[in-house]
Every structure is written in C-alpha cells, then in structure tokens.
C-alpha cells in the first residue's frame, strides 16, 4: 500500500488520483491500527488526509472509516472536545448521505463522547436512538467496517450509562441480555466487548457470580 501511495504523483488525471489515493488510504487504516495502535500519529495523519479527499468530491461512504479512525485516536488521547466534534461530524455526514448503517454508528459515537464528558442524559438518548435505528435497518456491514457489532456496542454502553444514572437493575439486565445475544454471534471482538462490560457492571454493582 505504501508503494502504491508513493506512485500517485505519476498520475496526471486529478480525479483518478483522488480515487486511487482514497482506496489506498482506506486499505492502510486497518494494518496501521493493528501494528501501531490507535494513538499512532501516522494513523491520525492518514485519516485526516482521507477525510480531506473524501469531502473534496462527490459524497462517498469512504469518509466514515477515516472519521472513525480520528475519533478513536482522539478518544484514546483524551481529547474530549475533538472526540465530540468528530462524532457529530460523522453523524452529520451519515444524515447527509441518508446512510442508515452509519447513522447507527454515529449516534453511538456521539453517545460515547457525551458519556466521556459526563453528559449522561445526552449519552443515553443517543445510545437509545442508535438501537432504535439498528432494529429498523439491521446491517452486518458495520460490524466488518468498524470492528464490532453496532447493537452489542451500543447496548454495552447503554448499560454503563444506566449504572452511572443509578439504575443498577437496568444496567445488569441490559448487559446480561447483551452478553447472551453476543454469544450467539460469530464475532469474537463483539463477544469480548460484551464480556468486558458484563464483568465491569457486575463488579461495580457487587452482583454475585
């Protein structure tokens, strides 16, 4: 992929060069995340370039993994304001393109950023909206693009929000139901995510094993 990116200057036609660079950048995001981690400066730079190129022409769903990459980078670095801005940008692009699958993820992202800033009511509303949209338009493609089942992730985060709002019973019921449904999926990361939240909520609430 790096070799391909290095050859782009030899392509004279601007739109062809833009399209090729977009696809090469999209292809390098996963490997960069795996090898250098989500706090990699190179990952952030590649995502920023991908966003720039995506918005320079006709709307394209390729913009979503780039915004998501920067969102994850900002969250891992503790940049709260940037994280919320990126989440809202993701959701605005999803609405602009009428992309229901991206809307599901976008509402979860805004909820995550709001939860991190202590705005529990806003977080709860976005997690609930994410789940409502998922039920209307179930789509497994987001699992492959973003690394986890969107319903499982939103329900995990909603359970934590319930706990922080003082609804311990609601938190336990939600996370245990989520764990049960995650175990039926053939997706290891989604199962691990549900297990981690179940362990967290049960430990904090003092629930028996």
C-alpha atoms as a PDB file:
ATOM      1  CA  UNK A   1       0.000   0.000   0.000  1.00  0.00           C
ATOM      2  CA  UNK A   2       2.824   2.408   0.838  1.00  0.00           C
ATOM      3  CA  UNK A   3       4.417   1.687  -2.542  1.00  0.00           C
ATOM      4  CA  UNK A   4       1.136   2.478  -4.260  1.00  0.00           C
ATOM      5  CA  UNK A   5       0.802   5.767  -2.389  1.00  0.00           C
ATOM      6  CA  UNK A   6       4.338   6.695  -3.408  1.00  0.00           C
ATOM      7  CA  UNK A   7       3.463   6.238  -7.085  1.00  0.00           C
ATOM      8  CA  UNK A   8       0.427   8.519  -7.085  1.00  0.00           C
ATOM      9  CA  UNK A   9       2.380  11.633  -8.150  1.00  0.00           C
ATOM     10  CA  UNK A  10       2.860   9.989 -11.515  1.00  0.00           C
ATOM     11  CA  UNK A  11      -0.885  10.038 -12.240  1.00  0.00           C
ATOM     12  CA  UNK A  12      -1.837  13.234 -14.040  1.00  0.00           C
ATOM     13  CA  UNK A  13      -5.651  12.962 -14.016  1.00  0.00           C
ATOM     14  CA  UNK A  14      -6.768  14.572 -10.704  1.00  0.00           C
ATOM     15  CA  UNK A  15      -9.990  12.631 -10.102  1.00  0.00           C
ATOM     16  CA  UNK A  16      -8.383   9.281 -10.844  1.00  0.00           C
ATOM     17  CA  UNK A  17      -5.525  10.155  -8.497  1.00  0.00           C
ATOM     18  CA  UNK A  18      -8.003  11.174  -5.774  1.00  0.00           C
ATOM     19  CA  UNK A  19      -9.994   7.955  -6.108  1.00  0.00           C
ATOM     20  CA  UNK A  20      -6.897   5.762  -6.058  1.00  0.00           C
ATOM     21  CA  UNK A  21      -5.444   7.565  -3.051  1.00  0.00           C
ATOM     22  CA  UNK A  22      -8.746   7.238  -1.189  1.00  0.00           C
ATOM     23  CA  UNK A  23      -8.819   3.487  -1.705  1.00  0.00           C
ATOM     24  CA  UNK A  24      -5.183   3.045  -0.782  1.00  0.00           C
ATOM     25  CA  UNK A  25      -5.660   5.099   2.390  1.00  0.00           C
ATOM     26  CA  UNK A  26      -8.734   3.057   3.300  1.00  0.00           C
ATOM     27  CA  UNK A  27      -6.683  -0.112   2.837  1.00  0.00           C
ATOM     28  CA  UNK A  28      -3.902   1.039   5.163  1.00  0.00           C
ATOM     29  CA  UNK A  29      -6.095   2.073   8.128  1.00  0.00           C
ATOM     30  CA  UNK A  30      -6.624  -1.467   9.445  1.00  0.00           C
ATOM     31  CA  UNK A  31      -2.957  -2.517   9.273  1.00  0.00           C
ATOM     32  CA  UNK A  32      -1.844   0.765  10.867  1.00  0.00           C
ATOM     33  CA  UNK A  33      -4.306   0.304  13.717  1.00  0.00           C
ATOM     34  CA  UNK A  34      -3.092  -3.256  14.299  1.00  0.00           C
ATOM     35  CA  UNK A  35       0.628  -2.559  14.098  1.00  0.00           C
ATOM     36  CA  UNK A  36       0.983   0.946  15.534  1.00  0.00           C
ATOM     37  CA  UNK A  37      -2.140   1.300  17.666  1.00  0.00           C
ATOM     38  CA  UNK A  38      -4.987   3.787  17.719  1.00  0.00           C
ATOM     39  CA  UNK A  39      -2.791   6.574  19.156  1.00  0.00           C
ATOM     40  CA  UNK A  40      -0.391   6.485  16.197  1.00  0.00           C
ATOM     41  CA  UNK A  41       0.365   9.902  14.719  1.00  0.00           C
ATOM     42  CA  UNK A  42       0.611   8.295  11.296  1.00  0.00           C
ATOM     43  CA  UNK A  43      -2.888   6.835  11.683  1.00  0.00           C
ATOM     44  CA  UNK A  44      -4.264  10.280  12.556  1.00  0.00           C
ATOM     45  CA  UNK A  45      -2.469  11.869   9.593  1.00  0.00           C
ATOM     46  CA  UNK A  46      -3.702   9.235   7.135  1.00  0.00           C
ATOM     47  CA  UNK A  47      -7.259   9.620   8.412  1.00  0.00           C
ATOM     48  CA  UNK A  48      -7.067  13.407   8.139  1.00  0.00           C
ATOM     49  CA  UNK A  49      -5.912  13.079   4.534  1.00  0.00           C
ATOM     50  CA  UNK A  50      -8.689  10.590   3.828  1.00  0.00           C
ATOM     51  CA  UNK A  51     -11.308  12.974   5.206  1.00  0.00           C
ATOM     52  CA  UNK A  52      -9.893  15.824   3.088  1.00  0.00           C
ATOM     53  CA  UNK A  53     -10.046  13.737  -0.084  1.00  0.00           C
ATOM     54  CA  UNK A  54     -13.481  12.296   0.716  1.00  0.00           C
ATOM     55  CA  UNK A  55     -15.014  15.731   1.093  1.00  0.00           C
ATOM     56  CA  UNK A  56     -13.300  17.155  -1.994  1.00  0.00           C
ATOM     57  CA  UNK A  57     -15.651  15.404  -4.437  1.00  0.00           C
ATOM     58  CA  UNK A  58     -18.998  13.663  -4.502  1.00  0.00           C
ATOM     59  CA  UNK A  59     -20.130  12.286  -1.114  1.00  0.00           C
ATOM     60  CA  UNK A  60     -18.635   8.851  -0.508  1.00  0.00           C
ATOM     61  CA  UNK A  61     -19.079   6.328   2.338  1.00  0.00           C
ATOM     62  CA  UNK A  62     -15.293   6.022   2.403  1.00  0.00           C
ATOM     63  CA  UNK A  63     -15.304   9.093   4.646  1.00  0.00           C
ATOM     64  CA  UNK A  64     -16.736   7.075   7.546  1.00  0.00           C
ATOM     65  CA  UNK A  65     -13.733   4.867   8.411  1.00  0.00           C
ATOM     66  CA  UNK A  66     -11.483   7.937   8.238  1.00  0.00           C
ATOM     67  CA  UNK A  67     -13.629   9.974  10.647  1.00  0.00           C
ATOM     68  CA  UNK A  68     -13.978   6.905  12.867  1.00  0.00           C
ATOM     69  CA  UNK A  69     -10.190   6.483  12.902  1.00  0.00           C
ATOM     70  CA  UNK A  70      -9.671  10.072  14.004  1.00  0.00           C
ATOM     71  CA  UNK A  71     -12.454   9.721  16.568  1.00  0.00           C
ATOM     72  CA  UNK A  72     -10.755   6.648  18.064  1.00  0.00           C
ATOM     73  CA  UNK A  73      -7.391   8.444  18.038  1.00  0.00           C
ATOM     74  CA  UNK A  74      -8.849  11.483  19.833  1.00  0.00           C
ATOM     75  CA  UNK A  75     -10.682   9.359  22.396  1.00  0.00           C
ATOM     76  CA  UNK A  76      -7.567   7.316  23.179  1.00  0.00           C
ATOM     77  CA  UNK A  77      -5.523  10.520  23.533  1.00  0.00           C
ATOM     78  CA  UNK A  78      -8.128  12.031  25.871  1.00  0.00           C
ATOM     79  CA  UNK A  79      -9.085  14.899  23.566  1.00  0.00           C
ATOM     80  CA  UNK A  80     -12.691  15.208  24.725  1.00  0.00           C
ATOM     81  CA  UNK A  81     -13.765  18.235  22.708  1.00  0.00           C
ATOM     82  CA  UNK A  82     -12.232  16.883  19.491  1.00  0.00           C
ATOM     83  CA  UNK A  83     -13.839  13.498  20.098  1.00  0.00           C
ATOM     84  CA  UNK A  84     -17.314  15.010  20.363  1.00  0.00           C
ATOM     85  CA  UNK A  85     -16.758  17.217  17.308  1.00  0.00           C
ATOM     86  CA  UNK A  86     -15.644  14.230  15.224  1.00  0.00           C
ATOM     87  CA  UNK A  87     -18.602  12.139  16.387  1.00  0.00           C
ATOM     88  CA  UNK A  88     -21.016  14.906  15.430  1.00  0.00           C
ATOM     89  CA  UNK A  89     -19.238  15.286  12.071  1.00  0.00           C
ATOM     90  CA  UNK A  90     -19.632  11.543  11.444  1.00  0.00           C
ATOM     91  CA  UNK A  91     -23.348  11.715  12.252  1.00  0.00           C
ATOM     92  CA  UNK A  92     -23.875  14.796  10.082  1.00  0.00           C
ATOM     93  CA  UNK A  93     -22.251  13.028   7.121  1.00  0.00           C
ATOM     94  CA  UNK A  94     -24.406   9.937   7.740  1.00  0.00           C
ATOM     95  CA  UNK A  95     -27.530  12.112   7.697  1.00  0.00           C
ATOM     96  CA  UNK A  96     -26.316  13.970   4.605  1.00  0.00           C
ATOM     97  CA  UNK A  97     -25.893  10.682   2.726  1.00  0.00           C
ATOM     98  CA  UNK A  98     -29.029   9.089   4.236  1.00  0.00           C
ATOM     99  CA  UNK A  99     -26.797   6.199   5.311  1.00  0.00           C
ATOM    100  CA  UNK A 100     -28.772   4.311   7.970  1.00  0.00           C
ATOM    101  CA  UNK A 101     -25.932   1.971   8.896  1.00  0.00           C
ATOM    102  CA  UNK A 102     -23.646   4.944   9.507  1.00  0.00           C
ATOM    103  CA  UNK A 103     -26.383   6.698  11.493  1.00  0.00           C
ATOM    104  CA  UNK A 104     -26.445   3.733  13.891  1.00  0.00           C
ATOM    105  CA  UNK A 105     -22.697   4.074  14.460  1.00  0.00           C
ATOM    106  CA  UNK A 106     -22.815   7.869  14.505  1.00  0.00           C
ATOM    107  CA  UNK A 107     -25.350   8.042  17.315  1.00  0.00           C
ATOM    108  CA  UNK A 108     -23.247   5.569  19.298  1.00  0.00           C
ATOM    109  CA  UNK A 109     -20.155   7.728  18.742  1.00  0.00           C
ATOM    110  CA  UNK A 110     -21.906  10.903  19.929  1.00  0.00           C
ATOM    111  CA  UNK A 111     -23.160   8.931  22.929  1.00  0.00           C
ATOM    112  CA  UNK A 112     -19.645   7.708  23.731  1.00  0.00           C
ATOM    113  CA  UNK A 113     -18.191  11.202  23.501  1.00  0.00           C
ATOM    114  CA  UNK A 114     -21.009  12.613  25.643  1.00  0.00           C
ATOM    115  CA  UNK A 115     -20.560   9.846  28.218  1.00  0.00           C
ATOM    116  CA  UNK A 116     -16.868  10.664  28.431  1.00  0.00           C
ATOM    117  CA  UNK A 117     -17.748  14.296  29.148  1.00  0.00           C
ATOM    118  CA  UNK A 118     -20.251  13.354  31.861  1.00  0.00           C
ATOM    119  CA  UNK A 119     -23.378  14.305  29.891  1.00  0.00           C
ATOM    120  CA  UNK A 120     -25.315  11.173  30.816  1.00  0.00           C
ATOM    121  CA  UNK A 121     -28.736  12.285  29.586  1.00  0.00           C
ATOM    122  CA  UNK A 122     -27.377  13.135  26.128  1.00  0.00           C
ATOM    123  CA  UNK A 123     -25.416   9.883  26.019  1.00  0.00           C
ATOM    124  CA  UNK A 124     -28.472   7.816  26.942  1.00  0.00           C
ATOM    125  CA  UNK A 125     -30.568   9.467  24.235  1.00  0.00           C
ATOM    126  CA  UNK A 126     -28.010   8.765  21.525  1.00  0.00           C
ATOM    127  CA  UNK A 127     -27.472   5.144  22.572  1.00  0.00           C
ATOM    128  CA  UNK A 128     -31.217   4.564  22.548  1.00  0.00           C
ATOM    129  CA  UNK A 129     -31.528   6.199  19.125  1.00  0.00           C
ATOM    130  CA  UNK A 130     -28.696   4.043  17.792  1.00  0.00           C
ATOM    131  CA  UNK A 131     -30.514   0.916  18.941  1.00  0.00           C
ATOM    132  CA  UNK A 132     -33.837   2.096  17.500  1.00  0.00           C
ATOM    133  CA  UNK A 133     -32.237   2.646  14.096  1.00  0.00           C
ATOM    134  CA  UNK A 134     -30.461  -0.712  14.199  1.00  0.00           C
ATOM    135  CA  UNK A 135     -33.740  -2.510  14.803  1.00  0.00           C
ATOM    136  CA  UNK A 136     -35.275  -0.690  11.828  1.00  0.00           C
ATOM    137  CA  UNK A 137     -32.370  -1.494   9.489  1.00  0.00           C
ATOM    138  CA  UNK A 138     -30.178  -4.357  10.793  1.00  0.00           C
ATOM    139  CA  UNK A 139     -26.916  -4.322   8.851  1.00  0.00           C
ATOM    140  CA  UNK A 140     -23.899  -6.527   9.467  1.00  0.00           C
ATOM    141  CA  UNK A 141     -21.631  -4.476   7.188  1.00  0.00           C
ATOM    142  CA  UNK A 142     -20.886  -2.035  10.023  1.00  0.00           C
ATOM    143  CA  UNK A 143     -19.501  -4.929  12.079  1.00  0.00           C
ATOM    144  CA  UNK A 144     -16.869  -5.564   9.432  1.00  0.00           C
ATOM    145  CA  UNK A 145     -16.083  -1.885   8.828  1.00  0.00           C
ATOM    146  CA  UNK A 146     -15.805  -0.751  12.452  1.00  0.00           C
ATOM    147  CA  UNK A 147     -14.761  -3.929  14.234  1.00  0.00           C
ATOM    148  CA  UNK A 148     -17.732  -4.701  16.459  1.00  0.00           C
ATOM    149  CA  UNK A 149     -21.443  -5.402  16.181  1.00  0.00           C
ATOM    150  CA  UNK A 150     -23.104  -1.957  16.499  1.00  0.00           C
ATOM    151  CA  UNK A 151     -26.056  -3.256  18.509  1.00  0.00           C
ATOM    152  CA  UNK A 152     -23.815  -5.038  21.013  1.00  0.00           C
ATOM    153  CA  UNK A 153     -21.598  -1.989  21.466  1.00  0.00           C
ATOM    154  CA  UNK A 154     -24.496   0.439  21.924  1.00  0.00           C
ATOM    155  CA  UNK A 155     -26.215  -1.852  24.422  1.00  0.00           C
ATOM    156  CA  UNK A 156     -22.982  -2.253  26.396  1.00  0.00           C
ATOM    157  CA  UNK A 157     -22.556   1.498  26.596  1.00  0.00           C
ATOM    158  CA  UNK A 158     -26.220   1.964  27.492  1.00  0.00           C
ATOM    159  CA  UNK A 159     -25.810  -0.477  30.382  1.00  0.00           C
ATOM    160  CA  UNK A 160     -22.904   1.572  31.727  1.00  0.00           C
ATOM    161  CA  UNK A 161     -24.960   4.739  31.364  1.00  0.00           C
ATOM    162  CA  UNK A 162     -27.832   3.167  33.298  1.00  0.00           C
ATOM    163  CA  UNK A 163     -25.398   2.268  36.078  1.00  0.00           C
ATOM    164  CA  UNK A 164     -23.982   5.792  36.250  1.00  0.00           C
ATOM    165  CA  UNK A 165     -27.534   7.180  36.371  1.00  0.00           C
ATOM    166  CA  UNK A 166     -28.233   4.973  39.398  1.00  0.00           C
ATOM    167  CA  UNK A 167     -30.330   2.333  37.651  1.00  0.00           C
ATOM    168  CA  UNK A 168     -28.292  -0.680  38.745  1.00  0.00           C
ATOM    169  CA  UNK A 169     -31.016  -3.224  37.968  1.00  0.00           C
ATOM    170  CA  UNK A 170     -31.471  -1.790  34.482  1.00  0.00           C
ATOM    171  CA  UNK A 171     -27.717  -1.856  33.913  1.00  0.00           C
ATOM    172  CA  UNK A 172     -27.418  -5.500  34.970  1.00  0.00           C
ATOM    173  CA  UNK A 173     -30.415  -6.627  32.927  1.00  0.00           C
ATOM    174  CA  UNK A 174     -29.209  -4.804  29.823  1.00  0.00           C
ATOM    175  CA  UNK A 175     -25.632  -6.039  29.976  1.00  0.00           C
ATOM    176  CA  UNK A 176     -26.622  -9.650  30.703  1.00  0.00           C
ATOM    177  CA  UNK A 177     -29.124  -9.634  27.831  1.00  0.00           C
ATOM    178  CA  UNK A 178     -26.400  -8.165  25.623  1.00  0.00           C
ATOM    179  CA  UNK A 179     -23.943 -10.853  26.654  1.00  0.00           C
ATOM    180  CA  UNK A 180     -26.473 -13.557  25.835  1.00  0.00           C
ATOM    181  CA  UNK A 181     -27.126 -12.155  22.363  1.00  0.00           C
ATOM    182  CA  UNK A 182     -23.408 -11.572  21.725  1.00  0.00           C
ATOM    183  CA  UNK A 183     -22.669 -15.208  22.453  1.00  0.00           C
ATOM    184  CA  UNK A 184     -24.913 -16.122  19.517  1.00  0.00           C
ATOM    185  CA  UNK A 185     -22.803 -14.064  17.109  1.00  0.00           C
ATOM    186  CA  UNK A 186     -19.855 -15.491  15.240  1.00  0.00           C
ATOM    187  CA  UNK A 187     -17.730 -12.437  16.003  1.00  0.00           C
ATOM    188  CA  UNK A 188     -15.001 -12.712  18.621  1.00  0.00           C
ATOM    189  CA  UNK A 189     -14.481  -8.979  19.221  1.00  0.00           C
ATOM    190  CA  UNK A 190     -18.183  -8.366  19.849  1.00  0.00           C
ATOM    191  CA  UNK A 191     -18.287 -11.268  22.315  1.00  0.00           C
ATOM    192  CA  UNK A 192     -15.186  -9.973  24.096  1.00  0.00           C
ATOM    193  CA  UNK A 193     -16.704  -6.497  24.275  1.00  0.00           C
ATOM    194  CA  UNK A 194     -19.883  -7.817  25.897  1.00  0.00           C
ATOM    195  CA  UNK A 195     -17.879  -9.930  28.351  1.00  0.00           C
ATOM    196  CA  UNK A 196     -15.767  -6.947  29.393  1.00  0.00           C
ATOM    197  CA  UNK A 197     -18.801  -4.748  30.056  1.00  0.00           C
ATOM    198  CA  UNK A 198     -20.617  -7.567  31.862  1.00  0.00           C
ATOM    199  CA  UNK A 199     -17.602  -8.047  34.129  1.00  0.00           C
ATOM    200  CA  UNK A 200     -17.345  -4.303  34.748  1.00  0.00           C
ATOM    201  CA  UNK A 201     -21.021  -3.775  35.578  1.00  0.00           C
ATOM    202  CA  UNK A 202     -21.209  -6.894  37.765  1.00  0.00           C
ATOM    203  CA  UNK A 203     -18.053  -5.952  39.638  1.00  0.00           C
ATOM    204  CA  UNK A 204     -19.153  -2.362  40.270  1.00  0.00           C
ATOM    205  CA  UNK A 205     -22.632  -3.416  41.373  1.00  0.00           C
ATOM    206  CA  UNK A 206     -21.418  -6.210  43.630  1.00  0.00           C
ATOM    207  CA  UNK A 207     -23.607  -8.729  41.803  1.00  0.00           C
ATOM    208  CA  UNK A 208     -22.997 -12.409  42.637  1.00  0.00           C
ATOM    209  CA  UNK A 209     -21.217 -14.562  40.059  1.00  0.00           C
END
